Amino acid sequence: YHIPVGAGVTAVSAPKYYAYVGSGQMTGLLGGMRGAAEYEQLVGYKGRAFSGMGIQSLVHFLIVALVALGNLSYFMMRRARRKAGR
């Protein structure tokens, strides 16, 4: 049919569609919020994706910090139990 097709998909499903872009079956792919924000910046429009990237980065940092805090507390509790058991 020779109709150019592009897609905007969630970041989780984007890897499934890269093969279609590589083979020429799709003309472009916006993968997740980052892809949408990059497209908005490319066309000179700062919309919801562009403004949402700061919040998404902050939440990712918070998740990493909470995982690190959980690991730290686990090892501290394990150390305290070992000392109490001796």
N, C-alpha and C. Protein backbone atom coordinates (compact mmCIF):
# COMPACT_ATOMS: atom_id res chain seq x y z
N TYR A 1 0.80 -1.20 0.00
CA TYR A 1 0.00 0.00 0.00
C TYR A 1 0.85 1.27 0.00
N HIS A 2 2.10 1.16 0.41
CA HIS A 2 3.06 2.27 0.38
C HIS A 2 2.57 3.51 1.13
N ILE A 3 2.01 3.31 2.30
CA ILE A 3 1.57 4.41 3.15
C ILE A 3 2.57 4.52 4.30
N PRO A 4 3.20 5.69 4.46
CA PRO A 4 4.16 5.84 5.56
C PRO A 4 3.46 5.73 6.92
N VAL A 5 4.02 4.92 7.79
CA VAL A 5 3.42 4.69 9.10
C VAL A 5 4.47 4.96 10.18
N GLY A 6 4.10 5.75 11.15
CA GLY A 6 4.92 5.98 12.33
C GLY A 6 4.08 5.64 13.55
N ALA A 7 4.73 5.46 14.69
CA ALA A 7 3.98 5.07 15.89
C ALA A 7 4.57 5.73 17.12
N GLY A 8 3.70 5.99 18.07
CA GLY A 8 4.10 6.43 19.40
C GLY A 8 3.62 5.39 20.39
N VAL A 9 4.54 4.73 21.06
CA VAL A 9 4.19 3.61 21.93
C VAL A 9 4.80 3.82 23.32
N THR A 10 4.35 3.01 24.26
CA THR A 10 4.92 3.08 25.60
C THR A 10 6.36 2.60 25.56
N ALA A 11 7.14 3.03 26.53
CA ALA A 11 8.56 2.67 26.56
C ALA A 11 8.76 1.16 26.69
N VAL A 12 7.86 0.50 27.39
CA VAL A 12 7.99 -0.94 27.59
C VAL A 12 7.81 -1.70 26.28
N SER A 13 6.92 -1.23 25.42
CA SER A 13 6.67 -1.95 24.18
C SER A 13 7.53 -1.48 23.00
N ALA A 14 8.28 -0.41 23.16
CA ALA A 14 9.08 0.14 22.06
C ALA A 14 10.06 -0.86 21.46
N PRO A 15 10.78 -1.68 22.25
CA PRO A 15 11.73 -2.61 21.62
C PRO A 15 11.09 -3.58 20.62
N LYS A 16 9.81 -3.88 20.79
CA LYS A 16 9.13 -4.77 19.84
C LYS A 16 9.05 -4.15 18.45
N TYR A 17 9.00 -2.82 18.40
CA TYR A 17 8.74 -2.14 17.14
C TYR A 17 9.99 -1.63 16.43
N TYR A 18 11.16 -1.69 17.08
CA TYR A 18 12.38 -1.22 16.44
C TYR A 18 12.70 -2.01 15.17
N ALA A 19 12.37 -3.27 15.15
CA ALA A 19 12.64 -4.09 13.96
C ALA A 19 11.85 -3.58 12.75
N TYR A 20 10.64 -3.09 12.99
CA TYR A 20 9.83 -2.56 11.89
C TYR A 20 10.44 -1.28 11.33
N VAL A 21 11.02 -0.47 12.19
CA VAL A 21 11.69 0.75 11.73
C VAL A 21 12.94 0.38 10.94
N GLY A 22 13.70 -0.57 11.46
CA GLY A 22 14.92 -1.00 10.78
C GLY A 22 14.67 -1.61 9.41
N SER A 23 13.55 -2.30 9.27
CA SER A 23 13.24 -2.94 7.99
C SER A 23 12.57 -1.99 7.00
N GLY A 24 12.21 -0.79 7.47
CA GLY A 24 11.56 0.17 6.59
C GLY A 24 10.05 0.06 6.55
N GLN A 25 9.47 -0.84 7.33
CA GLN A 25 8.02 -0.98 7.36
C GLN A 25 7.36 0.17 8.11
N MET A 26 8.12 0.80 9.03
CA MET A 26 7.64 1.99 9.74
C MET A 26 8.63 3.11 9.49
N THR A 27 8.12 4.33 9.37
CA THR A 27 9.00 5.47 9.09
C THR A 27 9.59 6.08 10.35
N GLY A 28 8.95 5.87 11.50
CA GLY A 28 9.47 6.45 12.73
C GLY A 28 8.80 5.85 13.94
N LEU A 29 9.44 6.07 15.09
CA LEU A 29 8.92 5.51 16.34
C LEU A 29 9.23 6.46 17.48
N LEU A 30 8.21 6.80 18.25
CA LEU A 30 8.38 7.57 19.47
C LEU A 30 8.24 6.60 20.62
N GLY A 31 9.35 6.32 21.29
CA GLY A 31 9.34 5.33 22.37
C GLY A 31 9.18 5.98 23.73
N GLY A 32 8.01 5.88 24.30
CA GLY A 32 7.76 6.37 25.65
C GLY A 32 7.68 7.88 25.74
N MET A 33 7.64 8.35 26.99
CA MET A 33 7.54 9.79 27.23
C MET A 33 8.78 10.51 26.73
N ARG A 34 9.93 9.86 26.86
CA ARG A 34 11.16 10.49 26.39
C ARG A 34 11.11 10.73 24.88
N GLY A 35 10.66 9.74 24.13
CA GLY A 35 10.54 9.90 22.69
C GLY A 35 9.57 11.01 22.32
N ALA A 36 8.46 11.08 23.05
CA ALA A 36 7.48 12.13 22.80
C ALA A 36 8.05 13.50 23.13
N ALA A 37 8.81 13.59 24.23
CA ALA A 37 9.43 14.86 24.61
C ALA A 37 10.48 15.29 23.60
N GLU A 38 11.25 14.34 23.09
CA GLU A 38 12.25 14.66 22.07
C GLU A 38 11.57 15.16 20.79
N TYR A 39 10.45 14.56 20.44
CA TYR A 39 9.72 15.01 19.25
C TYR A 39 9.15 16.41 19.47
N GLU A 40 8.60 16.66 20.65
CA GLU A 40 8.08 17.99 20.95
C GLU A 40 9.19 19.04 20.85
N GLN A 41 10.36 18.71 21.35
CA GLN A 41 11.48 19.64 21.28
C GLN A 41 11.92 19.84 19.83
N LEU A 42 11.90 18.78 19.05
CA LEU A 42 12.30 18.86 17.65
C LEU A 42 11.39 19.78 16.84
N VAL A 43 10.09 19.72 17.10
CA VAL A 43 9.15 20.55 16.35
C VAL A 43 8.92 21.91 17.00
N GLY A 44 9.55 22.15 18.15
CA GLY A 44 9.44 23.45 18.81
C GLY A 44 8.17 23.65 19.60
N TYR A 45 7.59 22.57 20.10
CA TYR A 45 6.36 22.65 20.88
C TYR A 45 6.62 22.00 22.23
N LYS A 46 6.46 22.76 23.30
CA LYS A 46 6.67 22.20 24.63
C LYS A 46 5.32 21.85 25.23
N GLY A 47 4.97 20.58 25.12
CA GLY A 47 3.67 20.11 25.60
C GLY A 47 3.80 19.28 26.85
N ARG A 48 2.86 18.36 27.02
CA ARG A 48 2.78 17.55 28.23
C ARG A 48 3.96 16.61 28.39
N ALA A 49 4.45 16.05 27.31
CA ALA A 49 5.58 15.12 27.41
C ALA A 49 6.84 15.85 27.85
N PHE A 50 7.09 17.01 27.27
CA PHE A 50 8.28 17.78 27.62
C PHE A 50 8.25 18.19 29.08
N SER A 51 7.11 18.67 29.54
CA SER A 51 7.00 19.11 30.93
C SER A 51 6.97 17.93 31.89
N GLY A 52 6.54 16.77 31.44
CA GLY A 52 6.48 15.60 32.31
C GLY A 52 7.82 14.93 32.54
N MET A 53 8.82 15.24 31.73
CA MET A 53 10.12 14.58 31.86
C MET A 53 10.81 14.92 33.18
N GLY A 54 10.67 16.14 33.65
CA GLY A 54 11.28 16.51 34.93
C GLY A 54 10.70 15.71 36.07
N ILE A 55 9.39 15.58 36.08
CA ILE A 55 8.72 14.81 37.13
C ILE A 55 9.11 13.34 37.04
N GLN A 56 9.15 12.80 35.82
CA GLN A 56 9.52 11.40 35.66
C GLN A 56 10.94 11.15 36.15
N SER A 57 11.85 12.04 35.85
CA SER A 57 13.23 11.89 36.32
C SER A 57 13.30 11.96 37.84
N LEU A 58 12.53 12.86 38.43
CA LEU A 58 12.50 12.98 39.89
C LEU A 58 11.97 11.70 40.53
N VAL A 59 10.91 11.13 39.97
CA VAL A 59 10.34 9.90 40.51
C VAL A 59 11.32 8.74 40.36
N HIS A 60 12.01 8.65 39.23
CA HIS A 60 13.02 7.59 39.06
C HIS A 60 14.13 7.73 40.10
N PHE A 61 14.57 8.95 40.35
CA PHE A 61 15.60 9.17 41.37
C PHE A 61 15.08 8.76 42.74
N LEU A 62 13.82 9.10 43.04
CA LEU A 62 13.22 8.75 44.32
C LEU A 62 13.15 7.23 44.49
N ILE A 63 12.79 6.52 43.44
CA ILE A 63 12.72 5.06 43.51
C ILE A 63 14.10 4.47 43.80
N VAL A 64 15.12 4.96 43.12
CA VAL A 64 16.48 4.47 43.35
C VAL A 64 16.91 4.76 44.79
N ALA A 65 16.59 5.96 45.28
CA ALA A 65 16.95 6.32 46.65
C ALA A 65 16.24 5.43 47.67
N LEU A 66 14.97 5.13 47.43
CA LEU A 66 14.23 4.26 48.36
C LEU A 66 14.76 2.83 48.34
N VAL A 67 15.14 2.34 47.18
CA VAL A 67 15.74 1.00 47.10
C VAL A 67 17.07 0.98 47.86
N ALA A 68 17.88 2.01 47.67
CA ALA A 68 19.16 2.09 48.39
C ALA A 68 18.92 2.17 49.90
N LEU A 69 17.94 2.95 50.33
CA LEU A 69 17.62 3.06 51.75
C LEU A 69 17.14 1.72 52.31
N GLY A 70 16.32 1.01 51.55
CA GLY A 70 15.86 -0.31 51.97
C GLY A 70 17.01 -1.29 52.11
N ASN A 71 17.93 -1.28 51.16
CA ASN A 71 19.10 -2.16 51.25
C ASN A 71 19.97 -1.81 52.44
N LEU A 72 20.18 -0.53 52.66
CA LEU A 72 20.99 -0.09 53.80
C LEU A 72 20.36 -0.53 55.11
N SER A 73 19.05 -0.36 55.25
CA SER A 73 18.40 -0.76 56.50
C SER A 73 18.44 -2.28 56.67
N TYR A 74 18.32 -3.02 55.58
CA TYR A 74 18.40 -4.48 55.67
C TYR A 74 19.76 -4.92 56.20
N PHE A 75 20.83 -4.37 55.63
CA PHE A 75 22.16 -4.77 56.06
C PHE A 75 22.46 -4.31 57.49
N MET A 76 21.94 -3.16 57.87
CA MET A 76 22.13 -2.71 59.26
C MET A 76 21.40 -3.63 60.24
N MET A 77 20.19 -4.04 59.89
CA MET A 77 19.44 -4.95 60.76
C MET A 77 20.12 -6.31 60.83
N ARG A 78 20.63 -6.78 59.72
CA ARG A 78 21.32 -8.08 59.70
C ARG A 78 22.58 -8.03 60.57
N ARG A 79 23.28 -6.92 60.49
CA ARG A 79 24.49 -6.75 61.30
C ARG A 79 24.14 -6.71 62.79
N ALA A 80 23.05 -6.02 63.12
CA ALA A 80 22.62 -5.93 64.53
C ALA A 80 22.20 -7.31 65.05
N ARG A 81 21.54 -8.10 64.24
CA ARG A 81 21.14 -9.45 64.65
C ARG A 81 22.35 -10.34 64.89
N ARG A 82 23.36 -10.20 64.04
CA ARG A 82 24.57 -11.01 64.21
C ARG A 82 25.29 -10.65 65.51
N LYS A 83 25.35 -9.36 65.81
CA LYS A 83 26.00 -8.92 67.05
C LYS A 83 25.21 -9.39 68.27
N ALA A 84 23.89 -9.35 68.19
CA ALA A 84 23.06 -9.78 69.31
C ALA A 84 23.14 -11.29 69.51
N GLY A 85 23.35 -12.03 68.44
CA GLY A 85 23.43 -13.48 68.51
C GLY A 85 24.74 -13.99 69.05
N ARG A 86 25.76 -13.19 69.07
CA ARG A 86 27.09 -13.63 69.53
C ARG A 86 27.19 -13.66 71.00
